[in-house]
Amino acid sequence: MNRTVNKLELNIEELRKLCSERKFKWTTHILMRLQQREINPSDVKNCIMSGEIIEQYPQDHPHPSCLILGLCVNGQPLHTVIGCGAGYLWLITAYRPNPNEWESDLKTRKGR
């Protein structure tokens, strides 16, 4: 099956490469949320390196973004939203998936 990929969709391997090169920008929003939610910045990096893209937001501005399901350093699931543009990952937010909002696979929103 030949499928056309949207040029604005992000690729997890490219995101991991930028992450391993430490090419990320921490937004004020994510730093605030990490503190509020008691999530360590190393958990965000681990999520990107261990995770998979579960939703794409190619029309986000100023850069296309996506939602990644990955793992914290301690093995707990984590959702991280990141944008990618200008040679950097733009770290937007991170949270532990709420079982009331997500199916048991933590990849599918309930009601969809």
PDB file of N, CA and C in Angstrom:
ATOM      1  N   MET A   1       0.848  -1.178   0.000  1.00  0.00           N
ATOM      2  CA  MET A   1       0.000   0.000   0.000  1.00  0.00           C
ATOM      3  C   MET A   1       0.890   1.237   0.000  1.00  0.00           C
ATOM      4  N   ASN A   2       0.733   2.079  -0.965  1.00  0.00           N
ATOM      5  CA  ASN A   2       1.526   3.295  -1.070  1.00  0.00           C
ATOM      6  C   ASN A   2       0.734   4.448  -0.490  1.00  0.00           C
ATOM      7  N   ARG A   3       1.310   5.095   0.501  1.00  0.00           N
ATOM      8  CA  ARG A   3       0.589   6.175   1.152  1.00  0.00           C
ATOM      9  C   ARG A   3       1.433   7.434   1.069  1.00  0.00           C
ATOM     10  N   THR A   4       0.794   8.548   0.793  1.00  0.00           N
ATOM     11  CA  THR A   4       1.496   9.820   0.736  1.00  0.00           C
ATOM     12  C   THR A   4       1.620  10.364   2.154  1.00  0.00           C
ATOM     13  N   VAL A   5       2.838  10.713   2.534  1.00  0.00           N
ATOM     14  CA  VAL A   5       3.081  11.264   3.862  1.00  0.00           C
ATOM     15  C   VAL A   5       3.068  12.782   3.767  1.00  0.00           C
ATOM     16  N   ASN A   6       2.329  13.404   4.666  1.00  0.00           N
ATOM     17  CA  ASN A   6       2.296  14.850   4.745  1.00  0.00           C
ATOM     18  C   ASN A   6       3.688  15.343   5.108  1.00  0.00           C
ATOM     19  N   LYS A   7       4.231  16.255   4.338  1.00  0.00           N
ATOM     20  CA  LYS A   7       5.581  16.756   4.594  1.00  0.00           C
ATOM     21  C   LYS A   7       5.696  17.401   5.973  1.00  0.00           C
ATOM     22  N   LEU A   8       4.587  17.838   6.538  1.00  0.00           N
ATOM     23  CA  LEU A   8       4.625  18.489   7.836  1.00  0.00           C
ATOM     24  C   LEU A   8       4.511  17.494   8.990  1.00  0.00           C
ATOM     25  N   GLU A   9       4.265  16.218   8.687  1.00  0.00           N
ATOM     26  CA  GLU A   9       4.202  15.228   9.757  1.00  0.00           C
ATOM     27  C   GLU A   9       5.607  14.941  10.258  1.00  0.00           C
ATOM     28  N   LEU A  10       5.696  14.750  11.549  1.00  0.00           N
ATOM     29  CA  LEU A  10       6.986  14.523  12.176  1.00  0.00           C
ATOM     30  C   LEU A  10       7.334  13.047  12.196  1.00  0.00           C
ATOM     31  N   ASN A  11       8.617  12.762  12.228  1.00  0.00           N
ATOM     32  CA  ASN A  11       9.140  11.403  12.212  1.00  0.00           C
ATOM     33  C   ASN A  11       9.884  11.162  13.520  1.00  0.00           C
ATOM     34  N   ILE A  12       9.549  10.091  14.226  1.00  0.00           N
ATOM     35  CA  ILE A  12      10.123   9.836  15.552  1.00  0.00           C
ATOM     36  C   ILE A  12      11.643   9.693  15.487  1.00  0.00           C
ATOM     37  N   GLU A  13      12.173   9.121  14.426  1.00  0.00           N
ATOM     38  CA  GLU A  13      13.630   8.966  14.326  1.00  0.00           C
ATOM     39  C   GLU A  13      14.317  10.326  14.236  1.00  0.00           C
ATOM     40  N   GLU A  14      13.737  11.251  13.479  1.00  0.00           N
ATOM     41  CA  GLU A  14      14.301  12.597  13.383  1.00  0.00           C
ATOM     42  C   GLU A  14      14.225  13.311  14.738  1.00  0.00           C
ATOM     43  N   LEU A  15      13.111  13.102  15.451  1.00  0.00           N
ATOM     44  CA  LEU A  15      12.959  13.724  16.764  1.00  0.00           C
ATOM     45  C   LEU A  15      13.988  13.159  17.747  1.00  0.00           C
ATOM     46  N   ARG A  16      14.206  11.854  17.696  1.00  0.00           N
ATOM     47  CA  ARG A  16      15.201  11.229  18.581  1.00  0.00           C
ATOM     48  C   ARG A  16      16.605  11.736  18.274  1.00  0.00           C
ATOM     49  N   LYS A  17      16.908  11.935  16.997  1.00  0.00           N
ATOM     50  CA  LYS A  17      18.224  12.443  16.617  1.00  0.00           C
ATOM     51  C   LYS A  17      18.450  13.823  17.227  1.00  0.00           C
ATOM     52  N   LEU A  18      17.471  14.716  17.092  1.00  0.00           N
ATOM     53  CA  LEU A  18      17.591  16.055  17.670  1.00  0.00           C
ATOM     54  C   LEU A  18      17.693  15.982  19.191  1.00  0.00           C
ATOM     55  N   CYS A  19      16.946  15.082  19.792  1.00  0.00           N
ATOM     56  CA  CYS A  19      16.987  14.910  21.238  1.00  0.00           C
ATOM     57  C   CYS A  19      18.375  14.448  21.681  1.00  0.00           C
ATOM     58  N   SER A  20      18.926  13.460  20.991  1.00  0.00           N
ATOM     59  CA  SER A  20      20.248  12.940  21.369  1.00  0.00           C
ATOM     60  C   SER A  20      21.332  13.993  21.166  1.00  0.00           C
ATOM     61  N   GLU A  21      21.090  14.921  20.247  1.00  0.00           N
ATOM     62  CA  GLU A  21      22.037  16.021  20.019  1.00  0.00           C
ATOM     63  C   GLU A  21      21.775  17.203  20.959  1.00  0.00           C
ATOM     64  N   ARG A  22      20.803  17.038  21.843  1.00  0.00           N
ATOM     65  CA  ARG A  22      20.417  18.085  22.815  1.00  0.00           C
ATOM     66  C   ARG A  22      19.962  19.376  22.129  1.00  0.00           C
ATOM     67  N   LYS A  23      19.308  19.227  21.006  1.00  0.00           N
ATOM     68  CA  LYS A  23      18.807  20.386  20.276  1.00  0.00           C
ATOM     69  C   LYS A  23      17.339  20.592  20.621  1.00  0.00           C
ATOM     70  N   PHE A  24      17.109  21.077  21.833  1.00  0.00           N
ATOM     71  CA  PHE A  24      15.740  21.344  22.226  1.00  0.00           C
ATOM     72  C   PHE A  24      15.631  22.698  22.897  1.00  0.00           C
ATOM     73  N   LYS A  25      14.442  23.247  22.790  1.00  0.00           N
ATOM     74  CA  LYS A  25      14.095  24.516  23.416  1.00  0.00           C
ATOM     75  C   LYS A  25      12.988  24.228  24.419  1.00  0.00           C
ATOM     76  N   TRP A  26      13.230  24.597  25.665  1.00  0.00           N
ATOM     77  CA  TRP A  26      12.247  24.405  26.721  1.00  0.00           C
ATOM     78  C   TRP A  26      11.363  25.645  26.783  1.00  0.00           C
ATOM     79  N   THR A  27      10.082  25.493  26.484  1.00  0.00           N
ATOM     80  CA  THR A  27       9.176  26.634  26.582  1.00  0.00           C
ATOM     81  C   THR A  27       8.877  26.924  28.050  1.00  0.00           C
ATOM     82  N   THR A  28       8.497  28.152  28.313  1.00  0.00           N
ATOM     83  CA  THR A  28       8.095  28.530  29.672  1.00  0.00           C
ATOM     84  C   THR A  28       6.942  27.646  30.132  1.00  0.00           C
ATOM     85  N   HIS A  29       6.035  27.342  29.209  1.00  0.00           N
ATOM     86  CA  HIS A  29       4.862  26.532  29.549  1.00  0.00           C
ATOM     87  C   HIS A  29       5.268  25.155  30.067  1.00  0.00           C
ATOM     88  N   ILE A  30       6.145  24.459  29.348  1.00  0.00           N
ATOM     89  CA  ILE A  30       6.509  23.111  29.795  1.00  0.00           C
ATOM     90  C   ILE A  30       7.252  23.162  31.128  1.00  0.00           C
ATOM     91  N   LEU A  31       8.110  24.147  31.309  1.00  0.00           N
ATOM     92  CA  LEU A  31       8.844  24.229  32.574  1.00  0.00           C
ATOM     93  C   LEU A  31       7.890  24.417  33.752  1.00  0.00           C
ATOM     94  N   MET A  32       6.858  25.226  33.549  1.00  0.00           N
ATOM     95  CA  MET A  32       5.849  25.441  34.581  1.00  0.00           C
ATOM     96  C   MET A  32       5.067  24.148  34.849  1.00  0.00           C
ATOM     97  N   ARG A  33       4.664  23.475  33.771  1.00  0.00           N
ATOM     98  CA  ARG A  33       3.880  22.240  33.924  1.00  0.00           C
ATOM     99  C   ARG A  33       4.705  21.124  34.576  1.00  0.00           C
ATOM    100  N   LEU A  34       5.977  21.009  34.218  1.00  0.00           N
ATOM    101  CA  LEU A  34       6.815  19.974  34.824  1.00  0.00           C
ATOM    102  C   LEU A  34       6.895  20.175  36.335  1.00  0.00           C
ATOM    103  N   GLN A  35       7.050  21.417  36.736  1.00  0.00           N
ATOM    104  CA  GLN A  35       7.121  21.706  38.170  1.00  0.00           C
ATOM    105  C   GLN A  35       5.787  21.382  38.846  1.00  0.00           C
ATOM    106  N   GLN A  36       4.685  21.822  38.253  1.00  0.00           N
ATOM    107  CA  GLN A  36       3.351  21.562  38.826  1.00  0.00           C
ATOM    108  C   GLN A  36       3.052  20.080  38.924  1.00  0.00           C
ATOM    109  N   ARG A  37       3.475  19.325  37.916  1.00  0.00           N
ATOM    110  CA  ARG A  37       3.127  17.899  37.829  1.00  0.00           C
ATOM    111  C   ARG A  37       4.219  16.982  38.369  1.00  0.00           C
ATOM    112  N   GLU A  38       5.262  17.578  38.921  1.00  0.00           N
ATOM    113  CA  GLU A  38       6.385  16.825  39.489  1.00  0.00           C
ATOM    114  C   GLU A  38       6.950  15.812  38.497  1.00  0.00           C
ATOM    115  N   ILE A  39       7.232  16.325  37.289  1.00  0.00           N
ATOM    116  CA  ILE A  39       7.845  15.536  36.231  1.00  0.00           C
ATOM    117  C   ILE A  39       9.256  16.078  36.023  1.00  0.00           C
ATOM    118  N   ASN A  40      10.216  15.192  35.975  1.00  0.00           N
ATOM    119  CA  ASN A  40      11.607  15.574  35.812  1.00  0.00           C
ATOM    120  C   ASN A  40      11.909  15.812  34.333  1.00  0.00           C
ATOM    121  N   PRO A  41      12.715  16.812  33.993  1.00  0.00           N
ATOM    122  CA  PRO A  41      13.088  17.006  32.586  1.00  0.00           C
ATOM    123  C   PRO A  41      13.698  15.757  31.944  1.00  0.00           C
ATOM    124  N   SER A  42      14.395  14.938  32.724  1.00  0.00           N
ATOM    125  CA  SER A  42      14.961  13.703  32.150  1.00  0.00           C
ATOM    126  C   SER A  42      13.850  12.743  31.711  1.00  0.00           C
ATOM    127  N   ASP A  43      12.661  12.844  32.342  1.00  0.00           N
ATOM    128  CA  ASP A  43      11.528  12.022  31.921  1.00  0.00           C
ATOM    129  C   ASP A  43      11.049  12.417  30.530  1.00  0.00           C
ATOM    130  N   VAL A  44      11.080  13.710  30.230  1.00  0.00           N
ATOM    131  CA  VAL A  44      10.663  14.188  28.908  1.00  0.00           C
ATOM    132  C   VAL A  44      11.616  13.642  27.847  1.00  0.00           C
ATOM    133  N   LYS A  45      12.899  13.731  28.115  1.00  0.00           N
ATOM    134  CA  LYS A  45      13.892  13.208  27.169  1.00  0.00           C
ATOM    135  C   LYS A  45      13.713  11.699  26.994  1.00  0.00           C
ATOM    136  N   ASN A  46      13.496  10.984  28.086  1.00  0.00           N
ATOM    137  CA  ASN A  46      13.308   9.532  28.010  1.00  0.00           C
ATOM    138  C   ASN A  46      12.043   9.191  27.218  1.00  0.00           C
ATOM    139  N   CYS A  47      11.000   9.983  27.384  1.00  0.00           N
ATOM    140  CA  CYS A  47       9.746   9.780  26.648  1.00  0.00           C
ATOM    141  C   CYS A  47       9.997   9.860  25.142  1.00  0.00           C
ATOM    142  N   ILE A  48      10.750  10.860  24.723  1.00  0.00           N
ATOM    143  CA  ILE A  48      11.041  11.023  23.299  1.00  0.00           C
ATOM    144  C   ILE A  48      11.871   9.839  22.791  1.00  0.00           C
ATOM    145  N   MET A  49      12.864   9.459  23.554  1.00  0.00           N
ATOM    146  CA  MET A  49      13.773   8.395  23.115  1.00  0.00           C
ATOM    147  C   MET A  49      13.130   7.008  23.136  1.00  0.00           C
ATOM    148  N   SER A  50      12.133   6.806  24.017  1.00  0.00           N
ATOM    149  CA  SER A  50      11.504   5.494  24.144  1.00  0.00           C
ATOM    150  C   SER A  50      10.137   5.414  23.475  1.00  0.00           C
ATOM    151  N   GLY A  51       9.609   6.552  23.061  1.00  0.00           N
ATOM    152  CA  GLY A  51       8.202   6.614  22.700  1.00  0.00           C
ATOM    153  C   GLY A  51       7.873   6.483  21.234  1.00  0.00           C
ATOM    154  N   GLU A  52       6.584   6.682  20.980  1.00  0.00           N
ATOM    155  CA  GLU A  52       6.053   6.655  19.619  1.00  0.00           C
ATOM    156  C   GLU A  52       5.075   7.810  19.461  1.00  0.00           C
ATOM    157  N   ILE A  53       5.008   8.323  18.254  1.00  0.00           N
ATOM    158  CA  ILE A  53       4.065   9.392  17.949  1.00  0.00           C
ATOM    159  C   ILE A  53       2.673   8.784  17.861  1.00  0.00           C
ATOM    160  N   ILE A  54       1.736   9.353  18.649  1.00  0.00           N
ATOM    161  CA  ILE A  54       0.366   8.821  18.616  1.00  0.00           C
ATOM    162  C   ILE A  54      -0.629   9.805  17.991  1.00  0.00           C
ATOM    163  N   GLU A  55      -0.266  11.068  17.914  1.00  0.00           N
ATOM    164  CA  GLU A  55      -1.089  12.059  17.220  1.00  0.00           C
ATOM    165  C   GLU A  55      -0.157  13.065  16.548  1.00  0.00           C
ATOM    166  N   GLN A  56      -0.554  13.493  15.358  1.00  0.00           N
ATOM    167  CA  GLN A  56       0.198  14.497  14.606  1.00  0.00           C
ATOM    168  C   GLN A  56      -0.639  15.770  14.522  1.00  0.00           C
ATOM    169  N   TYR A  57       0.020  16.915  14.655  1.00  0.00           N
ATOM    170  CA  TYR A  57      -0.628  18.216  14.511  1.00  0.00           C
ATOM    171  C   TYR A  57       0.164  19.028  13.477  1.00  0.00           C
ATOM    172  N   PRO A  58       0.066  18.643  12.195  1.00  0.00           N
ATOM    173  CA  PRO A  58       0.911  19.257  11.170  1.00  0.00           C
ATOM    174  C   PRO A  58       0.633  20.739  10.922  1.00  0.00           C
ATOM    175  N   GLN A  59      -0.543  21.208  11.291  1.00  0.00           N
ATOM    176  CA  GLN A  59      -0.882  22.606  11.035  1.00  0.00           C
ATOM    177  C   GLN A  59      -0.580  23.535  12.208  1.00  0.00           C
ATOM    178  N   ASP A  60      -0.010  22.993  13.296  1.00  0.00           N
ATOM    179  CA  ASP A  60       0.316  23.845  14.449  1.00  0.00           C
ATOM    180  C   ASP A  60       1.283  24.947  14.033  1.00  0.00           C
ATOM    181  N   HIS A  61       1.154  26.074  14.732  1.00  0.00           N
ATOM    182  CA  HIS A  61       1.980  27.242  14.444  1.00  0.00           C
ATOM    183  C   HIS A  61       2.792  27.593  15.679  1.00  0.00           C
ATOM    184  N   PRO A  62       4.037  27.895  15.602  1.00  0.00           N
ATOM    185  CA  PRO A  62       4.805  28.177  14.393  1.00  0.00           C
ATOM    186  C   PRO A  62       5.452  26.946  13.758  1.00  0.00           C
ATOM    187  N   HIS A  63       5.384  25.780  14.427  1.00  0.00           N
ATOM    188  CA  HIS A  63       5.992  24.562  13.884  1.00  0.00           C
ATOM    189  C   HIS A  63       5.017  23.398  14.008  1.00  0.00           C
ATOM    190  N   PRO A  64       5.076  22.433  13.080  1.00  0.00           N
ATOM    191  CA  PRO A  64       4.278  21.214  13.248  1.00  0.00           C
ATOM    192  C   PRO A  64       4.641  20.566  14.583  1.00  0.00           C
ATOM    193  N   SER A  65       3.658  19.915  15.191  1.00  0.00           N
ATOM    194  CA  SER A  65       3.924  19.267  16.478  1.00  0.00           C
ATOM    195  C   SER A  65       3.257  17.900  16.508  1.00  0.00           C
ATOM    196  N   CYS A  66       3.514  17.179  17.606  1.00  0.00           N
ATOM    197  CA  CYS A  66       2.942  15.850  17.753  1.00  0.00           C
ATOM    198  C   CYS A  66       2.853  15.499  19.233  1.00  0.00           C
ATOM    199  N   LEU A  67       2.088  14.469  19.507  1.00  0.00           N
ATOM    200  CA  LEU A  67       1.952  13.913  20.852  1.00  0.00           C
ATOM    201  C   LEU A  67       2.679  12.574  20.857  1.00  0.00           C
ATOM    202  N   ILE A  68       3.582  12.424  21.816  1.00  0.00           N
ATOM    203  CA  ILE A  68       4.359  11.190  21.953  1.00  0.00           C
ATOM    204  C   ILE A  68       3.927  10.473  23.222  1.00  0.00           C
ATOM    205  N   LEU A  69       3.715   9.175  23.107  1.00  0.00           N
ATOM    206  CA  LEU A  69       3.533   8.319  24.275  1.00  0.00           C
ATOM    207  C   LEU A  69       4.848   7.591  24.487  1.00  0.00           C
ATOM    208  N   GLY A  70       5.440   7.811  25.648  1.00  0.00           N
ATOM    209  CA  GLY A  70       6.684   7.150  25.991  1.00  0.00           C
ATOM    210  C   GLY A  70       6.714   6.855  27.473  1.00  0.00           C
ATOM    211  N   LEU A  71       7.908   6.651  27.981  1.00  0.00           N
ATOM    212  CA  LEU A  71       8.059   6.273  29.384  1.00  0.00           C
ATOM    213  C   LEU A  71       8.938   7.259  30.133  1.00  0.00           C
ATOM    214  N   CYS A  72       8.575   7.486  31.396  1.00  0.00           N
ATOM    215  CA  CYS A  72       9.447   8.204  32.312  1.00  0.00           C
ATOM    216  C   CYS A  72      10.647   7.299  32.596  1.00  0.00           C
ATOM    217  N   VAL A  73      11.645   7.849  33.239  1.00  0.00           N
ATOM    218  CA  VAL A  73      12.827   7.082  33.606  1.00  0.00           C
ATOM    219  C   VAL A  73      12.444   5.875  34.466  1.00  0.00           C
ATOM    220  N   ASN A  74      11.414   6.037  35.318  1.00  0.00           N
ATOM    221  CA  ASN A  74      10.998   4.939  36.204  1.00  0.00           C
ATOM    222  C   ASN A  74      10.020   3.967  35.543  1.00  0.00           C
ATOM    223  N   GLY A  75       9.752   4.135  34.251  1.00  0.00           N
ATOM    224  CA  GLY A  75       8.895   3.208  33.521  1.00  0.00           C
ATOM    225  C   GLY A  75       7.427   3.593  33.474  1.00  0.00           C
ATOM    226  N   GLN A  76       7.029   4.687  34.132  1.00  0.00           N
ATOM    227  CA  GLN A  76       5.632   5.127  34.071  1.00  0.00           C
ATOM    228  C   GLN A  76       5.357   5.781  32.720  1.00  0.00           C
ATOM    229  N   PRO A  77       4.116   5.636  32.201  1.00  0.00           N
ATOM    230  CA  PRO A  77       3.787   6.264  30.919  1.00  0.00           C
ATOM    231  C   PRO A  77       3.757   7.785  31.027  1.00  0.00           C
ATOM    232  N   LEU A  78       4.135   8.431  29.937  1.00  0.00           N
ATOM    233  CA  LEU A  78       4.145   9.888  29.873  1.00  0.00           C
ATOM    234  C   LEU A  78       3.738  10.316  28.479  1.00  0.00           C
ATOM    235  N   HIS A  79       2.931  11.362  28.401  1.00  0.00           N
ATOM    236  CA  HIS A  79       2.604  12.013  27.138  1.00  0.00           C
ATOM    237  C   HIS A  79       3.409  13.306  27.071  1.00  0.00           C
ATOM    238  N   THR A  80       4.023  13.551  25.931  1.00  0.00           N
ATOM    239  CA  THR A  80       4.778  14.773  25.712  1.00  0.00           C
ATOM    240  C   THR A  80       4.381  15.355  24.368  1.00  0.00           C
ATOM    241  N   VAL A  81       4.103  16.666  24.343  1.00  0.00           N
ATOM    242  CA  VAL A  81       3.795  17.362  23.095  1.00  0.00           C
ATOM    243  C   VAL A  81       5.032  18.175  22.724  1.00  0.00           C
ATOM    244  N   ILE A  82       5.501  17.944  21.493  1.00  0.00           N
ATOM    245  CA  ILE A  82       6.671  18.679  21.015  1.00  0.00           C
ATOM    246  C   ILE A  82       6.446  19.177  19.601  1.00  0.00           C
ATOM    247  N   GLY A  83       7.023  20.317  19.317  1.00  0.00           N
ATOM    248  CA  GLY A  83       7.057  20.838  17.965  1.00  0.00           C
ATOM    249  C   GLY A  83       8.453  20.627  17.413  1.00  0.00           C
ATOM    250  N   CYS A  84       8.582  20.773  16.115  1.00  0.00           N
ATOM    251  CA  CYS A  84       9.894  20.617  15.502  1.00  0.00           C
ATOM    252  C   CYS A  84      10.015  21.629  14.373  1.00  0.00           C
ATOM    253  N   GLY A  85      11.064  22.443  14.459  1.00  0.00           N
ATOM    254  CA  GLY A  85      11.302  23.430  13.418  1.00  0.00           C
ATOM    255  C   GLY A  85      12.584  24.185  13.689  1.00  0.00           C
ATOM    256  N   ALA A  86      13.159  24.730  12.638  1.00  0.00           N
ATOM    257  CA  ALA A  86      14.393  25.515  12.718  1.00  0.00           C
ATOM    258  C   ALA A  86      15.526  24.710  13.356  1.00  0.00           C
ATOM    259  N   GLY A  87      15.496  23.386  13.170  1.00  0.00           N
ATOM    260  CA  GLY A  87      16.561  22.537  13.669  1.00  0.00           C
ATOM    261  C   GLY A  87      16.489  22.202  15.147  1.00  0.00           C
ATOM    262  N   TYR A  88      15.346  22.468  15.767  1.00  0.00           N
ATOM    263  CA  TYR A  88      15.185  22.216  17.200  1.00  0.00           C
ATOM    264  C   TYR A  88      13.874  21.507  17.504  1.00  0.00           C
ATOM    265  N   LEU A  89      13.858  20.815  18.650  1.00  0.00           N
ATOM    266  CA  LEU A  89      12.616  20.331  19.250  1.00  0.00           C
ATOM    267  C   LEU A  89      12.119  21.446  20.155  1.00  0.00           C
ATOM    268  N   TRP A  90      10.870  21.759  20.054  1.00  0.00           N
ATOM    269  CA  TRP A  90      10.243  22.768  20.916  1.00  0.00           C
ATOM    270  C   TRP A  90       9.366  22.004  21.894  1.00  0.00           C
ATOM    271  N   LEU A  91       9.796  21.910  23.130  1.00  0.00           N
ATOM    272  CA  LEU A  91       9.086  21.134  24.148  1.00  0.00           C
ATOM    273  C   LEU A  91       7.938  21.980  24.678  1.00  0.00           C
ATOM    274  N   ILE A  92       6.717  21.486  24.483  1.00  0.00           N
ATOM    275  CA  ILE A  92       5.518  22.277  24.745  1.00  0.00           C
ATOM    276  C   ILE A  92       4.869  21.917  26.068  1.00  0.00           C
ATOM    277  N   THR A  93       4.581  20.634  26.292  1.00  0.00           N
ATOM    278  CA  THR A  93       3.978  20.220  27.560  1.00  0.00           C
ATOM    279  C   THR A  93       4.199  18.727  27.755  1.00  0.00           C
ATOM    280  N   ALA A  94       4.014  18.298  28.991  1.00  0.00           N
ATOM    281  CA  ALA A  94       4.121  16.875  29.328  1.00  0.00           C
ATOM    282  C   ALA A  94       3.169  16.589  30.477  1.00  0.00           C
ATOM    283  N   TYR A  95       2.589  15.396  30.449  1.00  0.00           N
ATOM    284  CA  TYR A  95       1.645  15.003  31.501  1.00  0.00           C
ATOM    285  C   TYR A  95       1.521  13.495  31.547  1.00  0.00           C
ATOM    286  N   ARG A  96       1.088  13.011  32.683  1.00  0.00           N
ATOM    287  CA  ARG A  96       0.790  11.581  32.813  1.00  0.00           C
ATOM    288  C   ARG A  96      -0.619  11.369  32.269  1.00  0.00           C
ATOM    289  N   PRO A  97      -0.802  10.410  31.363  1.00  0.00           N
ATOM    290  CA  PRO A  97      -2.133  10.210  30.773  1.00  0.00           C
ATOM    291  C   PRO A  97      -3.175   9.845  31.828  1.00  0.00           C
ATOM    292  N   ASN A  98      -4.320  10.498  31.736  1.00  0.00           N
ATOM    293  CA  ASN A  98      -5.427  10.261  32.653  1.00  0.00           C
ATOM    294  C   ASN A  98      -6.276   9.101  32.107  1.00  0.00           C
ATOM    295  N   PRO A  99      -6.432   8.012  32.884  1.00  0.00           N
ATOM    296  CA  PRO A  99      -7.212   6.865  32.391  1.00  0.00           C
ATOM    297  C   PRO A  99      -8.674   7.196  32.112  1.00  0.00           C
ATOM    298  N   ASN A 100      -9.179   8.311  32.643  1.00  0.00           N
ATOM    299  CA  ASN A 100     -10.549   8.728  32.344  1.00  0.00           C
ATOM    300  C   ASN A 100     -10.657   9.344  30.945  1.00  0.00           C
ATOM    301  N   GLU A 101      -9.533   9.767  30.388  1.00  0.00           N
ATOM    302  CA  GLU A 101      -9.525  10.423  29.080  1.00  0.00           C
ATOM    303  C   GLU A 101      -8.956   9.543  27.972  1.00  0.00           C
ATOM    304  N   TRP A 102      -8.232   8.464  28.364  1.00  0.00           N
ATOM    305  CA  TRP A 102      -7.544   7.627  27.384  1.00  0.00           C
ATOM    306  C   TRP A 102      -7.952   6.171  27.541  1.00  0.00           C
ATOM    307  N   GLU A 103      -8.030   5.467  26.414  1.00  0.00           N
ATOM    308  CA  GLU A 103      -8.276   4.034  26.445  1.00  0.00           C
ATOM    309  C   GLU A 103      -7.094   3.349  27.126  1.00  0.00           C
ATOM    310  N   SER A 104      -7.226   2.072  27.423  1.00  0.00           N
ATOM    311  CA  SER A 104      -6.189   1.358  28.172  1.00  0.00           C
ATOM    312  C   SER A 104      -4.843   1.322  27.440  1.00  0.00           C
ATOM    313  N   ASP A 105      -4.846   1.498  26.111  1.00  0.00           N
ATOM    314  CA  ASP A 105      -3.581   1.525  25.370  1.00  0.00           C
ATOM    315  C   ASP A 105      -2.837   2.856  25.513  1.00  0.00           C
ATOM    316  N   LEU A 106      -3.506   3.837  26.122  1.00  0.00           N
ATOM    317  CA  LEU A 106      -2.987   5.199  26.334  1.00  0.00           C
ATOM    318  C   LEU A 106      -2.649   5.912  25.037  1.00  0.00           C
ATOM    319  N   LYS A 107      -3.117   5.350  23.900  1.00  0.00           N
ATOM    320  CA  LYS A 107      -2.869   5.935  22.589  1.00  0.00           C
ATOM    321  C   LYS A 107      -4.138   6.514  21.975  1.00  0.00           C
ATOM    322  N   THR A 108      -5.285   6.055  22.470  1.00  0.00           N
ATOM    323  CA  THR A 108      -6.566   6.414  21.874  1.00  0.00           C
ATOM    324  C   THR A 108      -7.397   7.208  22.885  1.00  0.00           C
ATOM    325  N   ARG A 109      -7.812   8.392  22.452  1.00  0.00           N
ATOM    326  CA  ARG A 109      -8.671   9.194  23.336  1.00  0.00           C
ATOM    327  C   ARG A 109     -10.038   8.526  23.443  1.00  0.00           C
ATOM    328  N   LYS A 110     -10.595   8.542  24.632  1.00  0.00           N
ATOM    329  CA  LYS A 110     -11.936   7.976  24.808  1.00  0.00           C
ATOM    330  C   LYS A 110     -12.948   8.817  24.051  1.00  0.00           C
ATOM    331  N   GLY A 111     -13.920   8.152  23.468  1.00  0.00           N
ATOM    332  CA  GLY A 111     -14.956   8.849  22.723  1.00  0.00           C
ATOM    333  C   GLY A 111     -14.608   9.081  21.271  1.00  0.00           C
ATOM    334  N   ARG A 112     -13.492   8.547  20.817  1.00  0.00           N
ATOM    335  CA  ARG A 112     -13.115   8.713  19.401  1.00  0.00           C
ATOM    336  C   ARG A 112     -13.216   7.406  18.694  1.00  0.00           C
TER     337      ARG A 112
END
